[in-house]
Amino acid sequence: MAADPADRPGARVTGAPVIRPLVLLRHAQSLWNLENRFTGWADVGLTEAGRSEAHRAGALLRAHDYRFDRAFTSQLQRATETLEIVLRGLGQENIPVERSWRLNERHYGSLEGLDKAAFAAEHGAEILHRMRRGYHDRPAPLAPDDPRYRRHQETYSDLDPALLPATESLADTLARLLPYWNGTIAPAIARGESVLIVSHGNTLRALLKHLENMTEHEVEQFEIPTGRPLVVEFMSGGGFLRRDYLDDPVAAASVKAAG
């Protein structure tokens, strides 16, 4: 970034220096977002509106002069396509990009592909909320012979099949994300690298629960919209400091003042 985030008005508490921020981005609108379906690990692409969202995200980051040292994304095309559009908009297509299944969306098991409204009509709004937001709630798992089971896909053929889920809760999502965060992403940030993560709503919610020490109830109520860059800042010792959407009027004014 052009300006040290520690110099931004309102960007830190007094006496708490920050290191380079982390930018989180939920992929832009996908086909199944539009159709209101449980998506999970289903590999669906972006809508035209989603591509426009991704272009806007890239333009916003460019307007604030963000420069990234590396990017991380999932194995799912709605995230990788969003990242590609953003990096093209930034003119940073050549930075190192690492894809990992550990950044995939939460696995919705047997719900994958089902219409959420139809599910709610059959099972009730409370059960729908638990399946979507409950921290420990897991949908029924996929059967081993279900064609939706990722063990059958070449993308994951180099992984131990025991690692690949047949269903997940948000707690499960955090558990498979943390080794990658602790072993790969967090060390890059600690080295002073500017990092962009393009991932999925539940995955990023799980990560922020960990970073902010949210309660289970807090994370169950927390939502991340598609296509809006979320800037996370850390103290120099590595502790979480704050987060703001880059297009938030107050945060944007602070960045503009600093620039």
C-alpha atoms as a PDB file:
ATOM      1  CA  MET A   1       0.000   0.000   0.000  1.00  0.00           C
ATOM      2  CA  ALA A   2       1.077   3.548  -0.591  1.00  0.00           C
ATOM      3  CA  ALA A   3       0.640   4.583   3.025  1.00  0.00           C
ATOM      4  CA  ASP A   4       1.561   2.751   6.168  1.00  0.00           C
ATOM      5  CA  PRO A   5      -1.762   1.617   7.689  1.00  0.00           C
ATOM      6  CA  ALA A   6      -0.506   2.798  11.070  1.00  0.00           C
ATOM      7  CA  ASP A   7      -0.625   6.352   9.715  1.00  0.00           C
ATOM      8  CA  ARG A   8      -4.325   6.241   8.837  1.00  0.00           C
ATOM      9  CA  PRO A   9      -6.629   8.277  11.064  1.00  0.00           C
ATOM     10  CA  GLY A  10      -8.611   5.877  13.226  1.00  0.00           C
ATOM     11  CA  ALA A  11      -6.702   2.830  11.974  1.00  0.00           C
ATOM     12  CA  ARG A  12      -5.212   1.856  15.332  1.00  0.00           C
ATOM     13  CA  VAL A  13      -5.462   2.364  19.031  1.00  0.00           C
ATOM     14  CA  THR A  14      -2.877   4.693  20.564  1.00  0.00           C
ATOM     15  CA  GLY A  15       0.495   3.037  20.959  1.00  0.00           C
ATOM     16  CA  ALA A  16      -0.457  -0.116  19.029  1.00  0.00           C
ATOM     17  CA  PRO A  17       1.713  -0.329  15.886  1.00  0.00           C
ATOM     18  CA  VAL A  18       0.370  -2.450  13.041  1.00  0.00           C
ATOM     19  CA  ILE A  19       2.026  -4.586  10.404  1.00  0.00           C
ATOM     20  CA  ARG A  20       0.828  -4.806   6.821  1.00  0.00           C
ATOM     21  CA  PRO A  21      -2.866  -5.594   6.570  1.00  0.00           C
ATOM     22  CA  LEU A  22      -4.486  -8.752   5.303  1.00  0.00           C
ATOM     23  CA  VAL A  23      -7.265  -8.359   2.726  1.00  0.00           C
ATOM     24  CA  LEU A  24     -10.058 -10.930   2.720  1.00  0.00           C
ATOM     25  CA  LEU A  25     -12.478 -11.207  -0.179  1.00  0.00           C
ATOM     26  CA  ARG A  26     -15.438 -13.513  -0.468  1.00  0.00           C
ATOM     27  CA  HIS A  27     -15.807 -14.567  -4.086  1.00  0.00           C
ATOM     28  CA  ALA A  28     -18.231 -12.574  -6.193  1.00  0.00           C
ATOM     29  CA  GLN A  29     -21.777 -13.739  -6.926  1.00  0.00           C
ATOM     30  CA  SER A  30     -21.906 -17.302  -8.225  1.00  0.00           C
ATOM     31  CA  LEU A  31     -24.583 -19.061 -10.248  1.00  0.00           C
ATOM     32  CA  TRP A  32     -25.845 -20.867  -7.159  1.00  0.00           C
ATOM     33  CA  ASN A  33     -25.775 -17.700  -5.058  1.00  0.00           C
ATOM     34  CA  LEU A  34     -28.204 -16.330  -7.622  1.00  0.00           C
ATOM     35  CA  GLU A  35     -30.317 -19.485  -7.519  1.00  0.00           C
ATOM     36  CA  ASN A  36     -30.269 -19.592  -3.679  1.00  0.00           C
ATOM     37  CA  ARG A  37     -28.838 -23.105  -3.530  1.00  0.00           C
ATOM     38  CA  PHE A  38     -26.513 -24.759  -1.022  1.00  0.00           C
ATOM     39  CA  THR A  39     -23.193 -24.667  -2.855  1.00  0.00           C
ATOM     40  CA  GLY A  40     -20.410 -25.984  -0.648  1.00  0.00           C
ATOM     41  CA  TRP A  41     -17.755 -27.768  -2.697  1.00  0.00           C
ATOM     42  CA  ALA A  42     -19.815 -27.776  -5.912  1.00  0.00           C
ATOM     43  CA  ASP A  43     -17.638 -26.092  -8.517  1.00  0.00           C
ATOM     44  CA  VAL A  44     -19.911 -23.465 -10.026  1.00  0.00           C
ATOM     45  CA  GLY A  45     -18.805 -20.320 -11.830  1.00  0.00           C
ATOM     46  CA  LEU A  46     -19.629 -16.640 -11.522  1.00  0.00           C
ATOM     47  CA  THR A  47     -22.635 -14.837 -12.921  1.00  0.00           C
ATOM     48  CA  GLU A  48     -22.167 -11.788 -15.121  1.00  0.00           C
ATOM     49  CA  ALA A  49     -23.173  -9.709 -12.118  1.00  0.00           C
ATOM     50  CA  GLY A  50     -20.500 -11.577 -10.146  1.00  0.00           C
ATOM     51  CA  ARG A  51     -17.842 -10.719 -12.707  1.00  0.00           C
ATOM     52  CA  SER A  52     -18.890  -7.079 -12.425  1.00  0.00           C
ATOM     53  CA  GLU A  53     -18.565  -7.364  -8.627  1.00  0.00           C
ATOM     54  CA  ALA A  54     -15.049  -8.748  -9.011  1.00  0.00           C
ATOM     55  CA  HIS A  55     -14.090  -5.926 -11.369  1.00  0.00           C
ATOM     56  CA  ARG A  56     -15.399  -3.384  -8.835  1.00  0.00           C
ATOM     57  CA  ALA A  57     -13.393  -5.023  -6.063  1.00  0.00           C
ATOM     58  CA  GLY A  58     -10.237  -4.829  -8.159  1.00  0.00           C
ATOM     59  CA  ALA A  59     -10.921  -1.204  -9.055  1.00  0.00           C
ATOM     60  CA  LEU A  60     -11.486  -0.321  -5.389  1.00  0.00           C
ATOM     61  CA  LEU A  61      -8.207  -1.934  -4.336  1.00  0.00           C
ATOM     62  CA  ARG A  62      -6.416  -0.193  -7.193  1.00  0.00           C
ATOM     63  CA  ALA A  63      -7.920   3.172  -6.236  1.00  0.00           C
ATOM     64  CA  HIS A  64      -6.381   2.760  -2.787  1.00  0.00           C
ATOM     65  CA  ASP A  65      -3.037   1.674  -4.248  1.00  0.00           C
ATOM     66  CA  TYR A  66      -2.958  -1.833  -2.790  1.00  0.00           C
ATOM     67  CA  ARG A  67       0.080  -3.893  -3.756  1.00  0.00           C
ATOM     68  CA  PHE A  68       0.131  -7.563  -2.794  1.00  0.00           C
ATOM     69  CA  ASP A  69       3.139  -9.811  -2.357  1.00  0.00           C
ATOM     70  CA  ARG A  70       1.112 -12.998  -2.670  1.00  0.00           C
ATOM     71  CA  ALA A  71      -2.433 -14.341  -2.844  1.00  0.00           C
ATOM     72  CA  PHE A  72      -4.189 -17.437  -1.584  1.00  0.00           C
ATOM     73  CA  THR A  73      -7.400 -18.969  -2.839  1.00  0.00           C
ATOM     74  CA  SER A  74      -9.409 -22.178  -2.832  1.00  0.00           C
ATOM     75  CA  GLN A  75      -9.702 -24.941  -5.422  1.00  0.00           C
ATOM     76  CA  LEU A  76     -13.144 -23.718  -6.505  1.00  0.00           C
ATOM     77  CA  GLN A  77     -13.570 -21.719  -9.679  1.00  0.00           C
ATOM     78  CA  ARG A  78     -15.866 -19.038  -8.255  1.00  0.00           C
ATOM     79  CA  ALA A  79     -12.969 -18.014  -5.978  1.00  0.00           C
ATOM     80  CA  THR A  80     -10.169 -18.502  -8.494  1.00  0.00           C
ATOM     81  CA  GLU A  81     -12.064 -16.569 -11.175  1.00  0.00           C
ATOM     82  CA  THR A  82     -12.732 -13.732  -8.742  1.00  0.00           C
ATOM     83  CA  LEU A  83      -9.034 -13.612  -7.862  1.00  0.00           C
ATOM     84  CA  GLU A  84      -7.990 -13.599 -11.525  1.00  0.00           C
ATOM     85  CA  ILE A  85     -10.291 -10.659 -12.295  1.00  0.00           C
ATOM     86  CA  VAL A  86      -9.085  -8.708  -9.250  1.00  0.00           C
ATOM     87  CA  LEU A  87      -5.399  -9.262 -10.027  1.00  0.00           C
ATOM     88  CA  ARG A  88      -5.904  -8.230 -13.662  1.00  0.00           C
ATOM     89  CA  GLY A  89      -7.604  -5.063 -12.457  1.00  0.00           C
ATOM     90  CA  LEU A  90      -4.633  -4.374 -10.214  1.00  0.00           C
ATOM     91  CA  GLY A  91      -2.071  -5.206 -12.901  1.00  0.00           C
ATOM     92  CA  GLN A  92      -0.620  -7.792 -10.506  1.00  0.00           C
ATOM     93  CA  GLU A  93      -1.254 -11.025 -12.406  1.00  0.00           C
ATOM     94  CA  ASN A  94       2.315 -12.209 -11.816  1.00  0.00           C
ATOM     95  CA  ILE A  95       2.364 -12.343  -8.026  1.00  0.00           C
ATOM     96  CA  PRO A  96       2.621 -15.825  -6.462  1.00  0.00           C
ATOM     97  CA  VAL A  97      -0.800 -17.473  -6.076  1.00  0.00           C
ATOM     98  CA  GLU A  98      -1.364 -20.592  -4.004  1.00  0.00           C
ATOM     99  CA  ARG A  99      -4.540 -22.671  -4.215  1.00  0.00           C
ATOM    100  CA  SER A 100      -5.555 -24.981  -1.396  1.00  0.00           C
ATOM    101  CA  TRP A 101      -8.535 -27.192  -0.638  1.00  0.00           C
ATOM    102  CA  ARG A 102      -8.242 -25.966   2.941  1.00  0.00           C
ATOM    103  CA  LEU A 103      -9.649 -22.625   1.733  1.00  0.00           C
ATOM    104  CA  ASN A 104     -12.655 -24.318   0.089  1.00  0.00           C
ATOM    105  CA  GLU A 105     -16.151 -23.461   1.231  1.00  0.00           C
ATOM    106  CA  ARG A 106     -17.749 -25.404   4.063  1.00  0.00           C
ATOM    107  CA  HIS A 107     -18.963 -28.764   2.765  1.00  0.00           C
ATOM    108  CA  TYR A 108     -22.766 -28.956   2.892  1.00  0.00           C
ATOM    109  CA  GLY A 109     -22.920 -32.728   2.549  1.00  0.00           C
ATOM    110  CA  SER A 110     -26.236 -34.086   1.294  1.00  0.00           C
ATOM    111  CA  LEU A 111     -27.659 -30.537   1.101  1.00  0.00           C
ATOM    112  CA  GLU A 112     -25.293 -29.579  -1.697  1.00  0.00           C
ATOM    113  CA  GLY A 113     -27.260 -28.314  -4.679  1.00  0.00           C
ATOM    114  CA  LEU A 114     -30.612 -28.113  -2.852  1.00  0.00           C
ATOM    115  CA  ASP A 115     -32.776 -24.997  -3.034  1.00  0.00           C
ATOM    116  CA  LYS A 116     -32.690 -23.213   0.327  1.00  0.00           C
ATOM    117  CA  ALA A 117     -36.239 -21.891   0.065  1.00  0.00           C
ATOM    118  CA  ALA A 118     -37.586 -25.352  -0.748  1.00  0.00           C
ATOM    119  CA  PHE A 119     -35.618 -26.792   2.179  1.00  0.00           C
ATOM    120  CA  ALA A 120     -37.075 -24.167   4.515  1.00  0.00           C
ATOM    121  CA  ALA A 121     -40.595 -24.877   3.268  1.00  0.00           C
ATOM    122  CA  GLU A 122     -40.147 -28.571   4.071  1.00  0.00           C
ATOM    123  CA  HIS A 123     -38.128 -28.403   7.291  1.00  0.00           C
ATOM    124  CA  GLY A 124     -38.781 -24.924   8.682  1.00  0.00           C
ATOM    125  CA  ALA A 125     -36.780 -21.714   8.953  1.00  0.00           C
ATOM    126  CA  GLU A 126     -35.145 -22.699  12.233  1.00  0.00           C
ATOM    127  CA  ILE A 127     -33.651 -25.893  10.780  1.00  0.00           C
ATOM    128  CA  LEU A 128     -32.497 -23.943   7.712  1.00  0.00           C
ATOM    129  CA  HIS A 129     -30.764 -21.421   9.978  1.00  0.00           C
ATOM    130  CA  ARG A 130     -29.066 -24.183  11.948  1.00  0.00           C
ATOM    131  CA  MET A 131     -27.857 -25.905   8.777  1.00  0.00           C
ATOM    132  CA  ARG A 132     -26.509 -22.628   7.408  1.00  0.00           C
ATOM    133  CA  ARG A 133     -25.236 -20.920  10.552  1.00  0.00           C
ATOM    134  CA  GLY A 134     -25.067 -23.354  13.471  1.00  0.00           C
ATOM    135  CA  TYR A 135     -21.461 -23.624  14.604  1.00  0.00           C
ATOM    136  CA  HIS A 136     -21.623 -27.342  15.377  1.00  0.00           C
ATOM    137  CA  ASP A 137     -24.522 -28.407  13.120  1.00  0.00           C
ATOM    138  CA  ARG A 138     -23.640 -30.790  10.291  1.00  0.00           C
ATOM    139  CA  PRO A 139     -25.931 -31.787   7.422  1.00  0.00           C
ATOM    140  CA  ALA A 140     -26.192 -35.495   6.666  1.00  0.00           C
ATOM    141  CA  PRO A 141     -22.994 -36.676   4.928  1.00  0.00           C
ATOM    142  CA  LEU A 142     -22.745 -37.707   1.311  1.00  0.00           C
ATOM    143  CA  ALA A 143     -22.726 -41.447   0.699  1.00  0.00           C
ATOM    144  CA  PRO A 144     -19.364 -42.790  -0.535  1.00  0.00           C
ATOM    145  CA  ASP A 145     -20.859 -43.619  -3.951  1.00  0.00           C
ATOM    146  CA  ASP A 146     -22.535 -40.206  -4.369  1.00  0.00           C
ATOM    147  CA  PRO A 147     -21.202 -38.545  -7.551  1.00  0.00           C
ATOM    148  CA  ARG A 148     -20.925 -35.290  -5.592  1.00  0.00           C
ATOM    149  CA  TYR A 149     -18.282 -36.851  -3.342  1.00  0.00           C
ATOM    150  CA  ARG A 150     -14.995 -35.033  -4.063  1.00  0.00           C
ATOM    151  CA  ARG A 151     -12.957 -38.195  -3.618  1.00  0.00           C
ATOM    152  CA  HIS A 152     -14.087 -39.046  -7.141  1.00  0.00           C
ATOM    153  CA  GLN A 153     -12.650 -35.845  -8.651  1.00  0.00           C
ATOM    154  CA  GLU A 154      -9.220 -35.505 -10.214  1.00  0.00           C
ATOM    155  CA  THR A 155      -8.726 -32.108  -8.543  1.00  0.00           C
ATOM    156  CA  TYR A 156      -8.300 -33.869  -5.199  1.00  0.00           C
ATOM    157  CA  SER A 157      -6.682 -37.086  -6.418  1.00  0.00           C
ATOM    158  CA  ASP A 158      -3.314 -36.254  -4.828  1.00  0.00           C
ATOM    159  CA  LEU A 159      -4.822 -35.900  -1.332  1.00  0.00           C
ATOM    160  CA  ASP A 160      -5.328 -38.594   1.255  1.00  0.00           C
ATOM    161  CA  PRO A 161      -9.028 -39.487   0.793  1.00  0.00           C
ATOM    162  CA  ALA A 162      -9.436 -39.479   4.564  1.00  0.00           C
ATOM    163  CA  LEU A 163      -8.849 -35.706   4.545  1.00  0.00           C
ATOM    164  CA  LEU A 164     -11.749 -34.935   2.230  1.00  0.00           C
ATOM    165  CA  PRO A 165     -15.024 -34.273   4.041  1.00  0.00           C
ATOM    166  CA  ALA A 166     -18.447 -35.724   3.270  1.00  0.00           C
ATOM    167  CA  THR A 167     -20.070 -32.974   5.367  1.00  0.00           C
ATOM    168  CA  GLU A 168     -18.871 -30.199   7.676  1.00  0.00           C
ATOM    169  CA  SER A 169     -19.991 -27.886  10.408  1.00  0.00           C
ATOM    170  CA  LEU A 170     -18.434 -24.434  10.698  1.00  0.00           C
ATOM    171  CA  ALA A 171     -16.294 -25.836  13.525  1.00  0.00           C
ATOM    172  CA  ASP A 172     -15.044 -28.537  11.145  1.00  0.00           C
ATOM    173  CA  THR A 173     -14.274 -25.893   8.527  1.00  0.00           C
ATOM    174  CA  LEU A 174     -12.155 -23.973  11.016  1.00  0.00           C
ATOM    175  CA  ALA A 175     -10.353 -27.147  12.093  1.00  0.00           C
ATOM    176  CA  ARG A 176      -9.213 -27.971   8.548  1.00  0.00           C
ATOM    177  CA  LEU A 177      -8.381 -24.330   7.798  1.00  0.00           C
ATOM    178  CA  LEU A 178      -6.201 -23.667  10.851  1.00  0.00           C
ATOM    179  CA  PRO A 179      -3.184 -25.827   9.873  1.00  0.00           C
ATOM    180  CA  TYR A 180      -2.935 -23.912   6.608  1.00  0.00           C
ATOM    181  CA  TRP A 181      -3.382 -20.552   8.304  1.00  0.00           C
ATOM    182  CA  ASN A 182      -0.826 -21.306  11.007  1.00  0.00           C
ATOM    183  CA  GLY A 183       1.689 -23.021   8.751  1.00  0.00           C
ATOM    184  CA  THR A 184       1.525 -20.963   5.555  1.00  0.00           C
ATOM    185  CA  ILE A 185      -0.506 -17.753   5.574  1.00  0.00           C
ATOM    186  CA  ALA A 186       0.215 -16.334   9.038  1.00  0.00           C
ATOM    187  CA  PRO A 187       4.001 -16.718   8.611  1.00  0.00           C
ATOM    188  CA  ALA A 188       3.829 -14.740   5.344  1.00  0.00           C
ATOM    189  CA  ILE A 189       2.002 -11.917   7.126  1.00  0.00           C
ATOM    190  CA  ALA A 190       4.495 -12.056  10.003  1.00  0.00           C
ATOM    191  CA  ARG A 191       7.318 -11.603   7.459  1.00  0.00           C
ATOM    192  CA  GLY A 192       5.696  -8.310   6.459  1.00  0.00           C
ATOM    193  CA  GLU A 193       4.162  -9.566   3.221  1.00  0.00           C
ATOM    194  CA  SER A 194       0.945  -7.998   1.994  1.00  0.00           C
ATOM    195  CA  VAL A 195      -1.529 -10.850   1.516  1.00  0.00           C
ATOM    196  CA  LEU A 196      -4.844 -11.243  -0.312  1.00  0.00           C
ATOM    197  CA  ILE A 197      -7.118 -14.207   0.427  1.00  0.00           C
ATOM    198  CA  VAL A 198     -10.029 -14.870  -1.920  1.00  0.00           C
ATOM    199  CA  SER A 199     -12.190 -17.565  -0.422  1.00  0.00           C
ATOM    200  CA  HIS A 200     -15.758 -18.280   0.693  1.00  0.00           C
ATOM    201  CA  GLY A 201     -18.286 -16.938   3.156  1.00  0.00           C
ATOM    202  CA  ASN A 202     -18.126 -19.714   5.731  1.00  0.00           C
ATOM    203  CA  THR A 203     -14.377 -20.179   5.419  1.00  0.00           C
ATOM    204  CA  LEU A 204     -13.726 -16.493   6.029  1.00  0.00           C
ATOM    205  CA  ARG A 205     -16.253 -16.417   8.879  1.00  0.00           C
ATOM    206  CA  ALA A 206     -14.392 -19.306  10.496  1.00  0.00           C
ATOM    207  CA  LEU A 207     -11.066 -17.536  10.075  1.00  0.00           C
ATOM    208  CA  LEU A 208     -12.375 -14.311  11.587  1.00  0.00           C
ATOM    209  CA  LYS A 209     -13.826 -16.232  14.522  1.00  0.00           C
ATOM    210  CA  HIS A 210     -10.310 -17.472  15.190  1.00  0.00           C
ATOM    211  CA  LEU A 211      -8.616 -14.099  14.675  1.00  0.00           C
ATOM    212  CA  GLU A 212     -11.117 -12.085  16.701  1.00  0.00           C
ATOM    213  CA  ASN A 213     -11.879 -14.757  19.291  1.00  0.00           C
ATOM    214  CA  MET A 214     -15.592 -14.497  18.498  1.00  0.00           C
ATOM    215  CA  THR A 215     -18.017 -16.560  20.520  1.00  0.00           C
ATOM    216  CA  GLU A 216     -19.987 -19.290  18.792  1.00  0.00           C
ATOM    217  CA  HIS A 217     -23.099 -17.136  19.003  1.00  0.00           C
ATOM    218  CA  GLU A 218     -21.315 -14.140  17.476  1.00  0.00           C
ATOM    219  CA  VAL A 219     -20.023 -16.067  14.485  1.00  0.00           C
ATOM    220  CA  GLU A 220     -23.438 -17.643  13.917  1.00  0.00           C
ATOM    221  CA  GLN A 221     -24.873 -14.128  13.449  1.00  0.00           C
ATOM    222  CA  PHE A 222     -21.955 -12.858  11.350  1.00  0.00           C
ATOM    223  CA  GLU A 223     -22.296 -12.522   7.583  1.00  0.00           C
ATOM    224  CA  ILE A 224     -19.786 -11.621   4.852  1.00  0.00           C
ATOM    225  CA  PRO A 225     -21.170 -10.275   1.561  1.00  0.00           C
ATOM    226  CA  THR A 226     -19.799 -11.226  -1.826  1.00  0.00           C
ATOM    227  CA  GLY A 227     -17.254  -9.079  -3.593  1.00  0.00           C
ATOM    228  CA  ARG A 228     -16.403  -6.545  -0.838  1.00  0.00           C
ATOM    229  CA  PRO A 229     -12.727  -6.302   0.203  1.00  0.00           C
ATOM    230  CA  LEU A 230     -12.383  -6.623   3.978  1.00  0.00           C
ATOM    231  CA  VAL A 231      -9.161  -5.202   5.441  1.00  0.00           C
ATOM    232  CA  VAL A 232      -7.853  -6.881   8.599  1.00  0.00           C
ATOM    233  CA  GLU A 233      -5.066  -5.227  10.576  1.00  0.00           C
ATOM    234  CA  PHE A 234      -2.804  -6.775  13.189  1.00  0.00           C
ATOM    235  CA  MET A 235      -0.618  -5.349  15.919  1.00  0.00           C
ATOM    236  CA  SER A 236       3.119  -5.788  15.462  1.00  0.00           C
ATOM    237  CA  GLY A 237       3.038  -8.694  17.908  1.00  0.00           C
ATOM    238  CA  GLY A 238       0.556 -10.482  15.664  1.00  0.00           C
ATOM    239  CA  GLY A 239      -2.645  -9.889  17.634  1.00  0.00           C
ATOM    240  CA  PHE A 240      -5.840  -8.863  15.871  1.00  0.00           C
ATOM    241  CA  LEU A 241      -6.417  -5.104  15.841  1.00  0.00           C
ATOM    242  CA  ARG A 242      -9.425  -4.263  13.660  1.00  0.00           C
ATOM    243  CA  ARG A 243     -11.287  -4.929  10.428  1.00  0.00           C
ATOM    244  CA  ASP A 244     -13.121  -2.647   7.987  1.00  0.00           C
ATOM    245  CA  TYR A 245     -14.672  -3.030   4.572  1.00  0.00           C
ATOM    246  CA  LEU A 246     -12.648  -0.921   2.169  1.00  0.00           C
ATOM    247  CA  ASP A 247     -15.821   0.597   0.721  1.00  0.00           C
ATOM    248  CA  ASP A 248     -17.128   1.575   4.174  1.00  0.00           C
ATOM    249  CA  PRO A 249     -17.496   5.392   4.030  1.00  0.00           C
ATOM    250  CA  VAL A 250     -15.531   5.988   7.251  1.00  0.00           C
ATOM    251  CA  ALA A 251     -12.756   3.554   6.378  1.00  0.00           C
ATOM    252  CA  ALA A 252     -12.528   4.873   2.817  1.00  0.00           C
ATOM    253  CA  ALA A 253     -12.263   8.450   4.077  1.00  0.00           C
ATOM    254  CA  SER A 254      -9.455   7.425   6.401  1.00  0.00           C
ATOM    255  CA  VAL A 255      -7.539   5.775   3.586  1.00  0.00           C
ATOM    256  CA  LYS A 256      -8.055   8.799   1.335  1.00  0.00           C
ATOM    257  CA  ALA A 257      -6.813  11.140   4.049  1.00  0.00           C
ATOM    258  CA  ALA A 258      -3.728   9.016   4.587  1.00  0.00           C
ATOM    259  CA  GLY A 259      -2.938   8.921   0.866  1.00  0.00           C
END
